[in-house]
Protein backbone atom coordinates (compact mmCIF):
# COMPACT_ATOMS: atom_id res chain seq x y z
CA UNK A 1 15.28 7.03 13.37
CA UNK A 2 11.95 6.89 12.50
CA UNK A 3 8.08 6.34 13.47
CA UNK A 4 7.13 9.70 15.43
CA UNK A 5 6.27 10.79 12.16
CA UNK A 6 2.88 9.22 12.32
CA UNK A 7 2.85 8.94 15.14
CA UNK A 8 4.73 11.93 13.39
CA UNK A 9 4.05 8.96 11.92
CA UNK A 10 3.40 13.75 14.84
CA UNK A 11 3.45 12.88 13.56
CA UNK A 12 2.71 7.67 13.52
CA UNK A 13 3.38 11.49 12.56
CA UNK A 14 2.58 13.76 13.87
CA UNK A 15 3.06 10.46 11.48
CA UNK A 16 4.93 6.86 10.73
CA UNK A 17 8.43 6.38 10.12
CA UNK A 18 10.14 3.19 11.47
CA UNK A 19 13.92 2.47 12.30
CA UNK A 20 13.69 -0.05 14.44
CA UNK A 21 10.07 0.11 15.74
CA UNK A 22 7.23 2.92 16.45
CA UNK A 23 7.30 6.70 16.43
CA UNK A 24 4.49 8.71 15.13
CA UNK A 25 4.57 12.83 15.23
CA UNK A 26 3.79 16.34 14.98
CA UNK A 27 4.48 19.72 16.51
CA UNK A 28 3.37 23.18 17.25
CA UNK A 29 3.69 25.87 20.08
CA UNK A 30 2.62 27.51 23.01
CA UNK A 31 3.29 30.97 23.51
CA UNK A 32 0.79 33.45 22.69
CA UNK A 33 0.91 35.73 19.38
CA UNK A 34 0.53 39.27 19.79
CA UNK A 35 -3.33 38.58 19.60
CA UNK A 36 -5.36 36.30 22.06
CA UNK A 37 -6.84 33.28 20.01
CA UNK A 38 -9.85 31.97 21.76
CA UNK A 39 -9.87 28.14 22.25
CA UNK A 40 -13.57 28.24 20.69
CA UNK A 41 -12.23 29.34 17.31
CA UNK A 42 -8.44 27.97 17.21
CA UNK A 43 -8.08 24.91 15.29
CA UNK A 44 -5.55 23.41 17.62
CA UNK A 45 -5.43 19.70 18.50
CA UNK A 46 -2.92 20.15 21.10
CA UNK A 47 -3.81 22.95 23.61
CA UNK A 48 -7.01 24.21 25.65
CA UNK A 49 -5.14 27.44 26.36
CA UNK A 50 -2.76 29.79 24.50
CA UNK A 51 -3.75 27.91 21.63
CA UNK A 52 -2.69 28.36 18.04
CA UNK A 53 -4.58 28.55 14.66
CA UNK A 54 -3.20 25.81 12.31
CA UNK A 55 -6.04 25.62 10.07
CA UNK A 56 -9.46 23.76 10.37
CA UNK A 57 -8.60 21.61 7.42
CA UNK A 58 -5.21 20.78 8.75
CA UNK A 59 -6.80 20.10 12.13
CA UNK A 60 -9.34 17.83 10.39
CA UNK A 61 -6.54 15.79 8.77
CA UNK A 62 -5.16 15.41 12.16
CA UNK A 63 -8.09 13.78 13.61
CA UNK A 64 -8.80 11.79 10.38
CA UNK A 65 -5.46 10.09 10.98
CA UNK A 66 -4.78 9.77 14.58
CA UNK A 67 -8.59 9.85 15.98
CA UNK A 68 -10.14 7.81 13.34
CA UNK A 69 -7.29 6.05 11.65
CA UNK A 70 -8.77 7.12 8.31
CA UNK A 71 -6.09 7.62 6.23
CA UNK A 72 -7.93 8.08 2.74
CA UNK A 73 -9.90 10.83 4.24
CA UNK A 74 -6.75 12.40 5.67
CA UNK A 75 -5.27 12.67 2.36
CA UNK A 76 -8.39 14.43 1.05
CA UNK A 77 -8.05 16.92 3.80
CA UNK A 78 -4.44 17.48 3.28
CA UNK A 79 -4.86 18.07 -0.11
CA UNK A 80 -7.12 20.89 0.64
CA UNK A 81 -5.03 22.01 3.72
CA UNK A 82 -1.79 22.65 1.28
CA UNK A 83 -3.75 24.96 -0.79
CA UNK A 84 -5.92 26.78 1.99
CA UNK A 85 -3.84 26.75 5.06
CA UNK A 86 -0.92 28.41 3.48
CA UNK A 87 2.76 28.33 5.52
CA UNK A 88 1.43 25.46 7.92
CA UNK A 89 4.22 23.13 8.31
CA UNK A 90 2.23 20.46 10.08
CA UNK A 91 0.37 19.71 6.73
CA UNK A 92 3.45 19.33 5.19
CA UNK A 93 4.80 17.03 7.79
CA UNK A 94 1.50 14.81 7.61
CA UNK A 95 1.71 14.69 4.04
CA UNK A 96 5.44 13.30 4.44
CA UNK A 97 4.35 11.02 6.90
CA UNK A 98 1.73 9.28 4.80
CA UNK A 99 4.20 9.43 1.80
CA UNK A 100 6.59 7.05 4.08
CA UNK A 101 3.69 4.80 5.26
CA UNK A 102 3.04 4.31 1.68
CA UNK A 103 6.73 3.99 0.52
CA UNK A 104 6.49 6.88 -1.97
CA UNK A 105 10.06 8.23 -1.62
CA UNK A 106 9.56 11.04 -4.14
CA UNK A 107 6.88 12.56 -2.59
CA UNK A 108 8.65 12.09 0.98
CA UNK A 109 11.37 13.84 -0.47
CA UNK A 110 9.00 16.97 -1.56
CA UNK A 111 7.11 17.12 1.53
CA UNK A 112 10.16 16.77 3.77
CA UNK A 113 11.46 19.88 2.14
CA UNK A 114 8.47 21.67 2.23
CA UNK A 115 8.20 21.04 6.15
CA UNK A 116 11.45 22.07 6.32
CA UNK A 117 10.98 25.25 4.17
CA UNK A 118 7.84 26.31 5.75
CA UNK A 119 9.16 25.77 9.13
CA UNK A 120 12.21 28.05 8.77
CA UNK A 121 10.09 30.90 7.43
CA UNK A 122 7.97 30.54 10.53
CA UNK A 123 11.19 30.93 12.88
CA UNK A 124 11.17 34.73 12.74
CA UNK A 125 7.46 35.14 13.74
CA UNK A 126 7.06 32.05 15.98
CA UNK A 127 10.69 30.75 17.24
CA UNK A 128 9.18 27.98 19.18
CA UNK A 129 6.85 26.35 16.53
CA UNK A 130 9.21 27.21 13.79
CA UNK A 131 12.19 25.51 15.42
CA UNK A 132 10.04 22.59 16.49
CA UNK A 133 9.14 22.20 12.58
CA UNK A 134 12.82 22.56 11.47
CA UNK A 135 13.54 19.70 13.72
CA UNK A 136 10.43 17.62 12.37
CA UNK A 137 11.90 18.52 8.63
CA UNK A 138 15.47 17.39 9.42
CA UNK A 139 14.05 14.22 11.31
CA UNK A 140 12.30 13.41 8.11
CA UNK A 141 15.12 14.03 5.55
CA UNK A 142 17.30 11.88 7.69
CA UNK A 143 14.53 9.11 7.23
CA UNK A 144 14.34 9.25 3.83
CA UNK A 145 18.21 9.37 3.65
CA UNK A 146 18.52 5.97 5.38
CA UNK A 147 15.77 4.56 3.09
CA UNK A 148 17.52 5.82 -0.02
CA UNK A 149 21.51 4.92 0.78
CA UNK A 150 20.71 1.97 3.18
CA UNK A 151 21.72 1.72 6.98
CA UNK A 152 25.61 1.24 6.31
CA UNK A 153 25.91 4.66 3.74
CA UNK A 154 23.02 6.56 5.03
CA UNK A 155 23.80 6.47 8.91
CA UNK A 156 26.67 8.88 8.99
CA UNK A 157 24.23 11.66 7.39
CA UNK A 158 21.18 10.67 9.34
CA UNK A 159 23.34 11.09 12.50
CA UNK A 160 24.29 14.68 11.40
CA UNK A 161 20.29 15.07 10.79
CA UNK A 162 19.68 13.61 14.36
CA UNK A 163 22.11 16.32 15.96
CA UNK A 164 20.25 19.09 13.98
CA UNK A 165 16.85 17.86 15.17
CA UNK A 166 18.12 17.86 18.70
CA UNK A 167 19.51 21.26 18.43
CA UNK A 168 16.26 23.13 17.18
CA UNK A 169 14.57 21.04 19.64
CA UNK A 170 16.76 22.46 22.45
CA UNK A 171 15.83 25.99 20.93
CA UNK A 172 12.37 25.21 21.09
CA UNK A 173 12.31 23.80 24.64
CA UNK A 174 14.50 26.89 25.78
CA UNK A 175 11.27 29.01 24.95
CA UNK A 176 8.63 26.79 26.29
CA UNK A 177 9.59 23.53 27.78
CA UNK A 178 6.14 22.64 28.90
CA UNK A 179 4.66 23.10 25.48
CA UNK A 180 2.04 20.10 24.97
CA UNK A 181 3.10 19.51 21.25
CA UNK A 182 6.83 19.83 21.81
CA UNK A 183 6.72 17.39 24.37
CA UNK A 184 4.21 14.89 22.54
CA UNK A 185 6.87 14.83 19.67
CA UNK A 186 10.25 14.81 21.78
CA UNK A 187 8.59 12.46 24.13
CA UNK A 188 7.85 9.90 21.22
CA UNK A 189 11.28 10.41 20.04
CA UNK A 190 12.88 9.64 23.70
CA UNK A 191 10.80 6.51 23.83
CA UNK A 192 12.03 5.31 20.44
CA UNK A 193 15.65 5.65 21.40
CA UNK A 194 15.03 4.31 24.90
CA UNK A 195 13.36 1.35 23.61
CA UNK A 196 16.61 0.41 21.08
CA UNK A 197 19.38 1.83 23.32
CA UNK A 198 20.64 0.39 26.57
CA UNK A 199 21.67 3.35 27.92
CA UNK A 200 18.61 5.41 27.93
CA UNK A 201 15.82 5.65 29.96
CA UNK A 202 12.32 4.82 28.79
CA UNK A 203 10.82 6.10 32.25
CA UNK A 204 11.91 9.51 31.74
CA UNK A 205 10.32 9.53 28.31
CA UNK A 206 7.26 8.41 29.67
CA UNK A 207 7.22 10.76 32.60
CA UNK A 208 7.61 13.54 29.76
CA UNK A 209 4.41 12.38 28.17
CA UNK A 210 2.44 11.94 31.04
CA UNK A 211 3.40 15.27 32.63
CA UNK A 212 3.30 17.81 29.58
CA UNK A 213 2.24 16.22 26.22
CA UNK A 214 -1.14 16.53 24.55
CA UNK A 215 -3.46 15.07 23.35
CA UNK A 216 -4.36 12.56 25.86
CA UNK A 217 -5.35 9.83 23.26
CA UNK A 218 -1.74 9.92 21.50
CA UNK A 219 0.05 10.29 25.06
CA UNK A 220 -1.62 6.67 26.04
CA UNK A 221 -0.82 5.45 22.76
CA UNK A 222 2.66 6.26 22.67
CA UNK A 223 3.25 4.94 26.34
CA UNK A 224 1.26 1.56 25.20
CA UNK A 225 3.71 1.30 22.21
CA UNK A 226 6.70 1.67 24.59
CA UNK A 227 5.75 -0.84 27.10
CA UNK A 228 4.42 -3.32 24.11
CA UNK A 229 8.29 -2.75 23.18
CA UNK A 230 9.67 -3.27 26.53
CA UNK A 231 7.31 -6.35 26.73
CA UNK A 232 5.65 -5.01 29.91
CA UNK A 233 2.27 -6.38 28.62
CA UNK A 234 0.12 -5.49 31.57
CA UNK A 235 1.10 -1.82 31.45
CA UNK A 236 0.62 -1.63 27.35
CA UNK A 237 -2.73 -3.19 27.84
CA UNK A 238 -3.65 -0.69 30.43
CA UNK A 239 -2.52 2.31 28.09
CA UNK A 240 -3.94 0.88 24.96
CA UNK A 241 -7.53 0.66 26.59
CA UNK A 242 -7.14 4.22 27.75
CA UNK A 243 -6.54 5.03 24.11
CA UNK A 244 -9.36 3.47 22.88
CA UNK A 245 -11.78 4.91 25.57
CA UNK A 246 -10.86 8.33 23.67
CA UNK A 247 -10.72 7.00 19.92
CA UNK A 248 -12.91 4.13 19.45
CA UNK A 249 -13.24 4.35 16.04
CA UNK A 250 -9.48 3.94 15.44
CA UNK A 251 -8.59 0.54 13.99
CA UNK A 252 -5.05 1.00 14.23
CA UNK A 253 -5.72 0.72 18.29
CA UNK A 254 -7.32 -2.47 17.77
CA UNK A 255 -4.41 -3.46 16.04
CA UNK A 256 -2.15 -2.62 18.88
CA UNK A 257 -4.46 -3.88 21.32
CA UNK A 258 -4.42 -7.37 19.41
CA UNK A 259 -0.63 -7.27 19.31
CA UNK A 260 -0.43 -6.90 23.20
CA UNK A 261 -2.98 -9.62 23.95
CA UNK A 262 -1.40 -12.09 21.47
CA UNK A 263 2.17 -11.57 23.16
CA UNK A 264 0.55 -11.99 26.66
CA UNK A 265 -1.34 -15.33 25.20
CA UNK A 266 2.03 -16.61 23.97
CA UNK A 267 3.95 -16.10 27.10
CA UNK A 268 1.15 -17.44 29.32
CA UNK A 269 -0.29 -20.14 26.87
CA UNK A 270 -3.29 -18.63 27.51
CA UNK A 271 -6.21 -19.71 25.03
CA UNK A 272 -8.78 -17.19 26.05
CA UNK A 273 -6.22 -14.20 25.65
CA UNK A 274 -5.34 -15.39 22.22
CA UNK A 275 -9.06 -15.63 21.13
CA UNK A 276 -9.61 -12.09 22.68
CA UNK A 277 -6.46 -11.32 20.29
CA UNK A 278 -8.04 -12.60 17.35
CA UNK A 279 -11.29 -10.40 17.87
CA UNK A 280 -9.01 -7.40 18.03
CA UNK A 281 -7.40 -8.42 14.89
CA UNK A 282 -10.78 -8.71 13.29
CA UNK A 283 -11.99 -5.45 14.26
CA UNK A 284 -8.97 -3.81 13.01
CA UNK A 285 -9.37 -5.68 9.72
CA UNK A 286 -13.21 -4.62 9.69
CA UNK A 287 -12.00 -1.26 8.67
CA UNK A 288 -9.20 -2.20 6.18
CA UNK A 289 -10.49 0.14 3.88
CA UNK A 290 -9.03 3.38 5.75
CA UNK A 291 -5.47 1.95 6.29
CA UNK A 292 -2.42 1.76 4.14
CA UNK A 293 -2.11 -1.47 2.05
CA UNK A 294 1.22 -2.25 3.78
CA UNK A 295 -0.33 -2.00 7.38
CA UNK A 296 -3.47 -4.31 6.55
CA UNK A 297 -1.07 -6.93 4.85
CA UNK A 298 0.97 -6.90 8.39
CA UNK A 299 -2.23 -7.14 10.32
CA UNK A 300 -3.19 -10.03 8.14
CA UNK A 301 0.04 -11.75 8.75
CA UNK A 302 -0.03 -11.36 12.36
CA UNK A 303 -3.84 -12.38 12.57
CA UNK A 304 -2.88 -15.81 10.77
CA UNK A 305 -0.01 -16.25 12.99
CA UNK A 306 -2.41 -15.68 16.06
CA UNK A 307 -4.96 -18.23 14.67
CA UNK A 308 -1.99 -20.89 14.28
CA UNK A 309 -1.12 -20.25 17.77
CA UNK A 310 -4.45 -20.88 19.30
CA UNK A 311 -4.76 -23.95 16.89
CA UNK A 312 -1.30 -25.30 18.32
CA UNK A 313 -2.61 -24.37 21.97
């Protein structure tokens, strides 16, 4: 049950957790407070209308992760955000996501609980956003439980957490079913489950993302991930290219495109495609200082395999 978070790891996060593949994760809300907040003043990466003020520093951290793929910069912003944007659960959720990525289970425990505590306090004031982040908090705690207890011992408690996740997502959906951040988080979750469970429908999850989720670059990225995992590489490449058009500085997207190109090249035994894949692995590694060490190690491993395949062809 995991990668929404980074993408939730929102979040990937929203964040970057992993059960069988990829989620990424975050979530805010789409109903107005008692006071209208102008889009030009509000720090809200999800909405252009009925925006919410999540805090400028929290928004900058979100952009650093998901637009730029720059984790050290995001860490610096989040350190400020937690002291400045008081009561903002998205900041804690992103901290939890980064902790998961670096395999810091103590920090994941701390920031998962902080996400949940902050979200529960928010429910009375903003039930849509509060319930959304309560769901995220339970999701993070379920991921931690699986890591600590292992699949066999941890699965029963993780399933309890998953029921709580969907219970609070249902409450949020009853308030504003078209909210872009709600649909981003839920769309990523549904895609993850659809890719890994034979009775689930990835098409419905993709439709949810395309119709109501935002920001668009994370929508395109999520759909590219889904098609990659479904081995529909032409569609995956289309959406990866769309995401790159909007976030061309993000090395994670060059890595994603490299994975897709390599898979297509292996299927078709096409040397030119494999060369293009290697070039995109190189582009991702050119910014390795921005990325978590574990991710860099994985990119290098796949890079070597691509070169080996090219030599064999």
